[in-house]
Amino acid sequence: MPWRELSVMSQREELVRLALAEGANLSELCRRFGVSRDTAYKWLGRYAAEGRAGLSDRSRRPHRSPARSVAAVEAEVLRIRAAHNDAWGGRKIQAAMRRAGWADLPAPSTITAILRRHGRLEERAAEHPGPYQRFERAQPNELWQMDFKGHFALAQGRCHPLTVLDDHSRYALALAACADEQDGTVRGRLIAVFRHYGLPWAMLMDNGSPWGDSGGQPHTVFTVWLLRLGVRVSHGRPFHPQTQGKDERFHRSFKAEVLQGRSFRDLAHCQRAFDGWRLVYNHERPHEALGMSVPAERYRASARPFPDTLPPIEYAPGDSVRKVQHGGWISFKGRAFRIGKAFCGQPIALRASTEDGVFTLHFCAHRIGAIDLRAPPACGFVDSASALPTTPQAPPPQTA
């Protein structure tokens, strides 16, 4: 299968970066990217010999010189600033120059002074950041964060940017220009991501559509699909966007470096800009939370491939299995319990707990709630939300 016409350079570089990661499975990456092993080895060889320039016929960087003047340093600072929509500050520009091989790097404060002297720095009022504590998963693919960036108008229609970010590395797995926020649209984009990068152990998202239910139910048809794939689902606290702080911060950078001051004709125009910036964000843009490394240095593709065919759902011999009926109900011990419409047609397992009269509910490998036979029949319905973990659990240990 040939390379996709769109963003050929982006796909070549992303394949090479992922293939060079520790423990990478080249055959699996070739399958996900739709190229042969011979093609992959060709680009790996060119990359090893020439670096990034070997992946394209175009020149990527200016020729280096051992003696650069002060004027040349200032010119490079201004060039990098302009190349990123006047959004990068002193520390990021310094890190970019270091990666490009510049000697005698100016200090971040000197770079800030250069920007100010040339009128390229917007002065902002000091903000009090307040106390905060940063958390991150220990390994790539333990948790992905997913959200929609607020939609914006195009010359033709609207764009709803869908973002998917790895919690550990901040690697942007998807930045998709979508026409809407419907289940089918999101599922199609996510399948493409799963085929390229494999499956995560858990995903964190807010309470909006299509992964949130306005009626307060913890699951939708979309999240049940994720559970069926073996991906644990967790929702942020309502009206607390800081729960998905990394994705929210990603949105700020995306707005400043891509959307600010620009207009787009249509979704295809958006996607070309999104693809180019995602490559920069993952492989070139220094990240302060990563010690000025880039996300690609910490990310590696998941070892869990996306299954083309799902295996049948099987439960333990001692489980009581019920099929969820129309309306989201099951019958157990002569009583009806509400499970949720999202599970209609799916088999649910009930297991006796250590507490007499209480049974836990399971879908595939996920606990989704509990029922209490001691409660009066009028109150006997499933309260799934109270039984769900508030944060995704750590994945099982991986063996070599």
Protein backbone atom coordinates (compact mmCIF):
# COMPACT_ATOMS: atom_id res chain seq x y z
CA MET A 1 0.00 0.00 0.00
CA PRO A 2 1.49 3.40 -0.91
CA TRP A 3 2.04 6.31 1.43
CA ARG A 4 -0.98 8.58 1.86
CA GLU A 5 -0.79 11.60 -0.42
CA LEU A 6 -1.39 13.96 2.52
CA SER A 7 1.56 14.66 4.80
CA VAL A 8 3.99 12.17 3.22
CA MET A 9 6.96 13.83 4.92
CA SER A 10 5.14 13.73 8.27
CA GLN A 11 4.45 10.00 7.97
CA ARG A 12 8.03 9.21 6.95
CA GLU A 13 9.48 11.05 9.90
CA GLU A 14 6.96 9.67 12.37
CA LEU A 15 7.64 6.10 11.21
CA VAL A 16 11.39 6.62 11.58
CA ARG A 17 11.06 8.17 15.05
CA LEU A 18 8.79 5.41 16.32
CA ALA A 19 10.95 2.69 14.77
CA LEU A 20 14.05 4.03 16.56
CA ALA A 21 12.32 3.96 19.96
CA GLU A 22 13.50 1.31 22.40
CA GLY A 23 11.58 -1.93 22.01
CA ALA A 24 9.86 -0.86 18.77
CA ASN A 25 8.33 -3.62 16.63
CA LEU A 26 9.23 -2.62 13.06
CA SER A 27 6.99 -5.20 11.39
CA GLU A 28 3.97 -4.02 13.38
CA LEU A 29 4.77 -0.36 12.65
CA CYS A 30 5.04 -1.12 8.93
CA ARG A 31 1.65 -2.80 9.03
CA ARG A 32 0.07 0.16 10.83
CA PHE A 33 1.61 2.73 8.49
CA GLY A 34 0.84 0.66 5.38
CA VAL A 35 4.40 0.36 4.04
CA SER A 36 6.76 -2.54 3.33
CA ARG A 37 9.78 -3.38 5.47
CA ASP A 38 12.03 -2.51 2.50
CA THR A 39 10.53 0.98 2.39
CA ALA A 40 10.96 1.40 6.13
CA TYR A 41 14.61 0.29 5.97
CA LYS A 42 15.24 2.71 3.09
CA TRP A 43 14.05 5.70 5.15
CA LEU A 44 15.84 4.47 8.26
CA GLY A 45 19.06 4.26 6.26
CA ARG A 46 18.66 7.73 4.80
CA TYR A 47 17.82 9.12 8.21
CA ALA A 48 20.93 7.52 9.74
CA ALA A 49 23.14 8.94 6.99
CA GLU A 50 21.66 12.41 6.54
CA GLY A 51 19.34 12.97 9.47
CA ARG A 52 15.97 14.56 8.90
CA ALA A 53 17.08 16.10 5.60
CA GLY A 54 17.45 12.60 4.21
CA LEU A 55 13.68 12.13 4.32
CA SER A 56 13.02 14.94 1.86
CA ASP A 57 14.56 16.50 -1.23
CA ARG A 58 14.14 19.95 0.29
CA SER A 59 16.68 21.68 2.47
CA ARG A 60 15.49 21.81 6.08
CA ARG A 61 18.04 23.99 7.83
CA PRO A 62 20.59 26.67 6.92
CA HIS A 63 24.19 25.55 6.46
CA ARG A 64 26.18 25.66 9.65
CA SER A 65 29.20 27.89 10.15
CA PRO A 66 31.72 27.78 13.01
CA ALA A 67 31.78 31.59 13.25
CA ARG A 68 28.40 33.22 13.55
CA SER A 69 28.05 36.90 14.14
CA VAL A 70 25.78 38.49 16.72
CA ALA A 71 23.57 39.59 13.83
CA ALA A 72 23.26 35.96 12.68
CA VAL A 73 22.21 34.87 16.18
CA GLU A 74 19.58 37.58 16.33
CA ALA A 75 18.34 36.64 12.88
CA GLU A 76 17.99 33.00 13.92
CA VAL A 77 16.10 33.99 17.09
CA LEU A 78 13.68 36.07 15.05
CA ARG A 79 13.32 33.35 12.42
CA ILE A 80 12.39 30.71 15.00
CA ARG A 81 9.98 33.09 16.70
CA ALA A 82 8.25 33.89 13.38
CA ALA A 83 8.15 30.24 12.31
CA HIS A 84 6.00 29.44 15.34
CA ASN A 85 3.48 32.24 15.09
CA ASP A 86 5.33 34.44 17.60
CA ALA A 87 4.39 31.99 20.37
CA TRP A 88 7.76 30.54 21.47
CA GLY A 89 9.64 32.22 24.30
CA GLY A 90 13.31 32.37 25.27
CA ARG A 91 13.66 28.86 26.70
CA LYS A 92 12.02 27.12 23.75
CA ILE A 93 14.00 29.14 21.21
CA GLN A 94 17.25 28.38 23.04
CA ALA A 95 16.44 24.65 23.12
CA ALA A 96 15.62 24.69 19.39
CA MET A 97 18.95 26.39 18.63
CA ARG A 98 20.80 23.86 20.78
CA ARG A 99 19.19 20.98 18.89
CA ALA A 100 20.20 22.63 15.60
CA GLY A 101 23.86 22.66 16.68
CA TRP A 102 24.45 26.33 17.49
CA ALA A 103 27.48 27.02 19.66
CA ASP A 104 27.73 29.84 22.23
CA LEU A 105 23.98 29.84 22.80
CA PRO A 106 22.45 33.05 24.13
CA ALA A 107 20.74 32.78 27.49
CA PRO A 108 16.90 32.68 27.52
CA SER A 109 16.94 36.17 29.07
CA THR A 110 19.13 37.41 26.20
CA ILE A 111 16.72 35.91 23.68
CA THR A 112 13.85 37.63 25.47
CA ALA A 113 15.75 40.91 25.24
CA ILE A 114 16.29 40.38 21.50
CA LEU A 115 12.59 39.79 21.00
CA ARG A 116 11.70 42.85 23.03
CA ARG A 117 14.22 45.02 21.19
CA HIS A 118 12.72 44.05 17.83
CA GLY A 119 9.16 44.58 19.01
CA ARG A 120 8.34 40.86 18.78
CA LEU A 121 7.36 40.32 22.41
CA GLU A 122 3.91 41.10 23.72
CA GLU A 123 4.18 42.24 27.31
CA ARG A 124 1.67 40.58 29.60
CA ALA A 125 0.52 41.39 33.08
CA ALA A 126 2.05 39.13 35.71
CA GLU A 127 -0.18 36.21 36.61
CA HIS A 128 -0.26 34.49 39.95
CA PRO A 129 -0.10 30.81 39.09
CA GLY A 130 -1.27 29.56 42.47
CA PRO A 131 -0.21 26.25 43.99
CA TYR A 132 -0.31 23.20 41.74
CA GLN A 133 1.03 19.69 41.63
CA ARG A 134 1.87 17.86 38.42
CA PHE A 135 0.99 14.21 37.93
CA GLU A 136 1.86 11.97 35.03
CA ARG A 137 1.65 8.29 34.19
CA ALA A 138 4.84 6.27 34.54
CA GLN A 139 4.86 4.80 31.02
CA PRO A 140 3.57 5.72 27.56
CA ASN A 141 0.07 4.47 26.68
CA GLU A 142 -1.00 3.96 30.29
CA LEU A 143 -3.41 6.85 29.83
CA TRP A 144 -4.49 8.96 26.86
CA GLN A 145 -6.41 12.20 27.24
CA MET A 146 -9.02 13.05 24.60
CA ASP A 147 -11.09 16.18 24.04
CA PHE A 148 -12.48 18.58 21.48
CA LYS A 149 -10.95 22.02 21.14
CA GLY A 150 -13.71 24.59 20.80
CA HIS A 151 -15.05 24.69 17.23
CA PHE A 152 -14.42 27.65 14.95
CA ALA A 153 -15.89 28.93 11.69
CA LEU A 154 -14.42 28.22 8.26
CA ALA A 155 -15.11 29.86 4.94
CA GLN A 156 -17.11 26.69 4.32
CA GLY A 157 -18.67 25.18 7.46
CA ARG A 158 -17.13 24.65 10.89
CA CYS A 159 -14.12 22.79 12.24
CA HIS A 160 -14.19 20.76 15.47
CA PRO A 161 -10.54 19.88 16.32
CA LEU A 162 -10.28 16.48 18.02
CA THR A 163 -7.14 16.03 20.15
CA VAL A 164 -5.67 12.88 21.69
CA LEU A 165 -2.59 13.20 23.94
CA ASP A 166 -0.44 10.61 25.72
CA ASP A 167 -0.31 11.49 29.43
CA HIS A 168 3.27 10.37 30.07
CA SER A 169 5.06 11.85 27.06
CA ARG A 170 2.62 14.59 25.93
CA TYR A 171 2.91 13.02 22.47
CA ALA A 172 0.05 14.25 20.25
CA LEU A 173 -1.47 11.08 18.83
CA ALA A 174 -4.23 12.86 16.95
CA LEU A 175 -5.09 16.38 15.87
CA ALA A 176 -8.04 15.89 13.55
CA ALA A 177 -10.16 18.47 11.75
CA CYS A 178 -13.68 17.09 12.21
CA ALA A 179 -16.95 18.34 10.75
CA ASP A 180 -18.91 17.45 13.90
CA GLU A 181 -18.61 15.81 17.32
CA GLN A 182 -20.70 12.72 16.61
CA ASP A 183 -19.93 9.13 17.60
CA GLY A 184 -19.27 7.93 14.04
CA THR A 185 -16.85 10.76 13.28
CA VAL A 186 -14.86 10.31 16.48
CA ARG A 187 -14.83 6.53 16.22
CA GLY A 188 -13.49 6.64 12.66
CA ARG A 189 -10.67 9.01 13.65
CA LEU A 190 -9.84 6.97 16.74
CA ILE A 191 -9.67 3.71 14.80
CA ALA A 192 -7.02 5.29 12.57
CA VAL A 193 -5.07 6.32 15.68
CA PHE A 194 -5.39 2.83 17.19
CA ARG A 195 -4.12 1.25 13.96
CA HIS A 196 -1.02 3.50 13.97
CA TYR A 197 -0.14 3.52 17.66
CA GLY A 198 -1.94 0.54 19.19
CA LEU A 199 -4.36 0.56 22.13
CA PRO A 200 -3.85 2.43 25.42
CA TRP A 201 -4.76 0.91 28.77
CA ALA A 202 -7.07 3.78 29.69
CA MET A 203 -8.53 6.99 28.30
CA LEU A 204 -9.59 10.14 30.16
CA MET A 205 -12.23 12.45 28.74
CA ASP A 206 -14.74 15.04 29.90
CA ASN A 207 -18.51 14.61 30.15
CA GLY A 208 -19.41 15.99 26.73
CA SER A 209 -20.74 14.17 23.68
CA PRO A 210 -20.13 11.54 22.39
CA TRP A 211 -18.35 10.06 25.41
CA GLY A 212 -20.55 11.73 28.02
CA ASP A 213 -24.27 11.34 28.69
CA SER A 214 -26.39 14.41 29.40
CA GLY A 215 -28.70 12.27 31.52
CA GLY A 216 -25.95 11.55 34.01
CA GLN A 217 -25.25 7.96 32.92
CA PRO A 218 -21.55 7.05 33.20
CA HIS A 219 -21.48 5.22 29.86
CA THR A 220 -22.48 5.85 26.25
CA VAL A 221 -22.44 3.55 23.22
CA PHE A 222 -19.06 5.09 22.40
CA THR A 223 -17.48 4.33 25.79
CA VAL A 224 -18.95 0.81 25.77
CA TRP A 225 -17.11 0.29 22.48
CA LEU A 226 -13.87 1.36 24.19
CA LEU A 227 -14.50 -1.03 27.08
CA ARG A 228 -15.09 -3.81 24.55
CA LEU A 229 -11.62 -3.08 23.14
CA GLY A 230 -10.08 -3.43 26.61
CA VAL A 231 -9.62 0.32 27.18
CA ARG A 232 -10.68 1.57 30.61
CA VAL A 233 -12.72 4.78 30.51
CA SER A 234 -12.56 7.62 33.04
CA HIS A 235 -14.35 10.97 33.08
CA GLY A 236 -13.10 14.24 34.53
CA ARG A 237 -15.06 16.03 37.24
CA PRO A 238 -17.81 18.21 35.78
CA PHE A 239 -16.75 21.86 35.41
CA HIS A 240 -13.15 20.97 36.35
CA PRO A 241 -11.13 21.11 33.10
CA GLN A 242 -7.91 20.91 35.11
CA THR A 243 -8.56 17.15 35.38
CA GLN A 244 -7.39 17.03 31.76
CA GLY A 245 -4.74 19.65 32.33
CA LYS A 246 -2.24 18.30 29.80
CA ASP A 247 -4.77 18.31 26.98
CA GLU A 248 -6.00 21.76 28.02
CA ARG A 249 -2.41 23.04 27.91
CA PHE A 250 -2.01 21.43 24.50
CA HIS A 251 -5.08 23.36 23.34
CA ARG A 252 -3.49 26.63 24.48
CA SER A 253 -0.34 25.95 22.46
CA PHE A 254 -2.40 24.83 19.47
CA LYS A 255 -4.44 28.02 19.55
CA ALA A 256 -1.39 30.27 19.91
CA GLU A 257 0.80 28.56 17.31
CA VAL A 258 -1.74 27.44 14.70
CA LEU A 259 -5.10 29.18 14.98
CA GLN A 260 -4.22 32.66 16.22
CA GLY A 261 -4.56 35.24 13.45
CA ARG A 262 -5.33 32.69 10.73
CA SER A 263 -8.37 31.76 8.70
CA PHE A 264 -9.07 28.50 6.89
CA ARG A 265 -11.08 27.69 3.80
CA ASP A 266 -12.28 24.19 4.63
CA LEU A 267 -11.50 21.05 6.61
CA ALA A 268 -8.80 19.92 4.18
CA HIS A 269 -7.01 23.26 4.60
CA CYS A 270 -7.24 22.84 8.38
CA GLN A 271 -5.93 19.29 8.31
CA ARG A 272 -2.83 20.26 6.33
CA ALA A 273 -2.00 22.92 8.92
CA PHE A 274 -2.78 20.53 11.78
CA ASP A 275 -0.56 17.76 10.36
CA GLY A 276 2.39 20.09 9.93
CA TRP A 277 2.13 21.49 13.45
CA ARG A 278 1.63 18.06 15.05
CA LEU A 279 4.95 16.96 13.57
CA VAL A 280 6.64 20.09 14.96
CA TYR A 281 4.98 19.64 18.36
CA ASN A 282 6.01 16.00 18.68
CA HIS A 283 9.52 16.12 17.22
CA GLU A 284 10.84 19.70 17.36
CA ARG A 285 9.03 21.80 19.95
CA PRO A 286 10.83 21.74 23.35
CA HIS A 287 8.46 21.04 26.25
CA GLU A 288 9.20 22.63 29.60
CA ALA A 289 7.42 19.87 31.56
CA LEU A 290 9.78 17.37 29.87
CA GLY A 291 12.95 19.24 30.78
CA MET A 292 13.01 20.90 27.32
CA SER A 293 12.95 17.51 25.59
CA VAL A 294 10.43 16.83 22.84
CA PRO A 295 7.52 14.39 23.31
CA ALA A 296 8.90 11.95 20.72
CA GLU A 297 11.91 11.29 22.96
CA ARG A 298 9.61 9.81 25.61
CA TYR A 299 6.95 8.11 23.50
CA ARG A 300 6.88 4.62 22.03
CA ALA A 301 4.03 2.86 20.26
CA SER A 302 1.79 0.53 22.25
CA ALA A 303 2.41 -3.21 22.16
CA ARG A 304 -1.37 -3.80 22.09
CA PRO A 305 -2.52 -3.90 18.44
CA PHE A 306 -6.00 -2.85 17.36
CA PRO A 307 -8.00 -6.04 16.68
CA ASP A 308 -9.71 -6.26 13.30
CA THR A 309 -12.08 -8.86 14.76
CA LEU A 310 -13.15 -8.82 18.40
CA PRO A 311 -13.15 -12.18 20.23
CA PRO A 312 -16.41 -13.37 21.79
CA ILE A 313 -17.15 -12.17 25.31
CA GLU A 314 -16.56 -14.92 27.87
CA TYR A 315 -17.08 -14.92 31.63
CA ALA A 316 -16.04 -17.22 34.49
CA PRO A 317 -18.07 -20.39 35.05
CA GLY A 318 -19.47 -19.10 38.36
CA ASP A 319 -20.80 -15.84 36.90
CA SER A 320 -24.49 -15.20 36.33
CA VAL A 321 -24.75 -13.78 32.82
CA ARG A 322 -27.64 -11.61 31.65
CA LYS A 323 -28.25 -9.92 28.30
CA VAL A 324 -29.19 -6.26 28.65
CA GLN A 325 -32.66 -5.76 27.21
CA HIS A 326 -34.19 -2.85 25.30
CA GLY A 327 -34.31 0.16 27.60
CA GLY A 328 -31.17 -0.93 29.46
CA TRP A 329 -32.68 -3.40 31.95
CA ILE A 330 -31.79 -6.90 33.19
CA SER A 331 -33.73 -9.36 35.29
CA PHE A 332 -32.02 -11.02 38.27
CA LYS A 333 -33.47 -12.96 41.20
CA GLY A 334 -36.98 -12.04 40.11
CA ARG A 335 -36.28 -8.29 40.05
CA ALA A 336 -35.47 -5.75 37.33
CA PHE A 337 -32.38 -3.58 37.49
CA ARG A 338 -31.40 -0.67 35.26
CA ILE A 339 -27.94 -1.03 33.74
CA GLY A 340 -28.02 1.67 31.07
CA LYS A 341 -29.15 1.90 27.46
CA ALA A 342 -25.56 1.98 26.24
CA PHE A 343 -25.25 -1.74 27.10
CA CYS A 344 -28.35 -2.86 25.17
CA GLY A 345 -27.77 -6.27 23.59
CA GLN A 346 -24.55 -6.88 25.54
CA PRO A 347 -23.95 -9.76 28.00
CA ILE A 348 -23.32 -8.61 31.59
CA ALA A 349 -21.84 -10.79 34.35
CA LEU A 350 -23.02 -10.65 37.97
CA ARG A 351 -20.66 -11.89 40.70
CA ALA A 352 -21.38 -12.35 44.36
CA SER A 353 -19.33 -10.00 46.52
CA THR A 354 -18.01 -10.55 50.02
CA GLU A 355 -21.07 -8.66 51.30
CA ASP A 356 -24.22 -10.77 51.51
CA GLY A 357 -26.84 -9.71 48.97
CA VAL A 358 -24.50 -7.46 46.98
CA PHE A 359 -23.46 -8.43 43.45
CA THR A 360 -20.90 -6.65 41.32
CA LEU A 361 -21.57 -6.06 37.62
CA HIS A 362 -18.93 -6.68 34.95
CA PHE A 363 -18.67 -6.01 31.22
CA CYS A 364 -15.75 -7.87 29.63
CA ALA A 365 -12.85 -7.24 32.07
CA HIS A 366 -14.36 -4.04 33.53
CA ARG A 367 -16.42 -3.60 36.67
CA ILE A 368 -19.27 -1.24 35.80
CA GLY A 369 -21.40 -1.20 38.94
CA ALA A 370 -23.16 -3.19 41.67
CA ILE A 371 -26.66 -4.15 42.78
CA ASP A 372 -27.95 -4.61 46.32
CA LEU A 373 -30.72 -7.17 46.74
CA ARG A 374 -31.25 -5.92 50.32
CA ALA A 375 -32.61 -2.60 49.04
CA PRO A 376 -36.39 -2.28 48.67
CA PRO A 377 -37.64 -3.24 45.20
CA ALA A 378 -38.69 0.34 44.45
CA CYS A 379 -35.06 1.45 44.93
CA GLY A 380 -33.45 -1.56 43.33
CA PHE A 381 -31.60 -0.12 40.37
CA VAL A 382 -27.99 0.10 39.38
CA ASP A 383 -25.99 3.11 40.47
CA SER A 384 -23.06 2.59 38.12
CA ALA A 385 -21.39 5.93 38.76
CA SER A 386 -20.81 5.27 42.46
CA ALA A 387 -19.13 1.96 41.68
CA LEU A 388 -16.76 3.24 39.03
CA PRO A 389 -13.20 4.26 39.94
CA THR A 390 -12.63 8.00 39.81
CA THR A 391 -9.25 7.59 38.11
CA PRO A 392 -8.01 4.96 35.64
CA GLN A 393 -6.26 2.05 37.31
CA ALA A 394 -2.69 1.20 36.40
CA PRO A 395 -2.29 -1.41 33.64
CA PRO A 396 -1.22 -4.95 34.51
CA PRO A 397 2.55 -5.51 34.55
CA GLN A 398 4.04 -6.13 31.14
CA THR A 399 6.29 -9.11 30.61
CA ALA A 400 9.26 -9.15 28.32
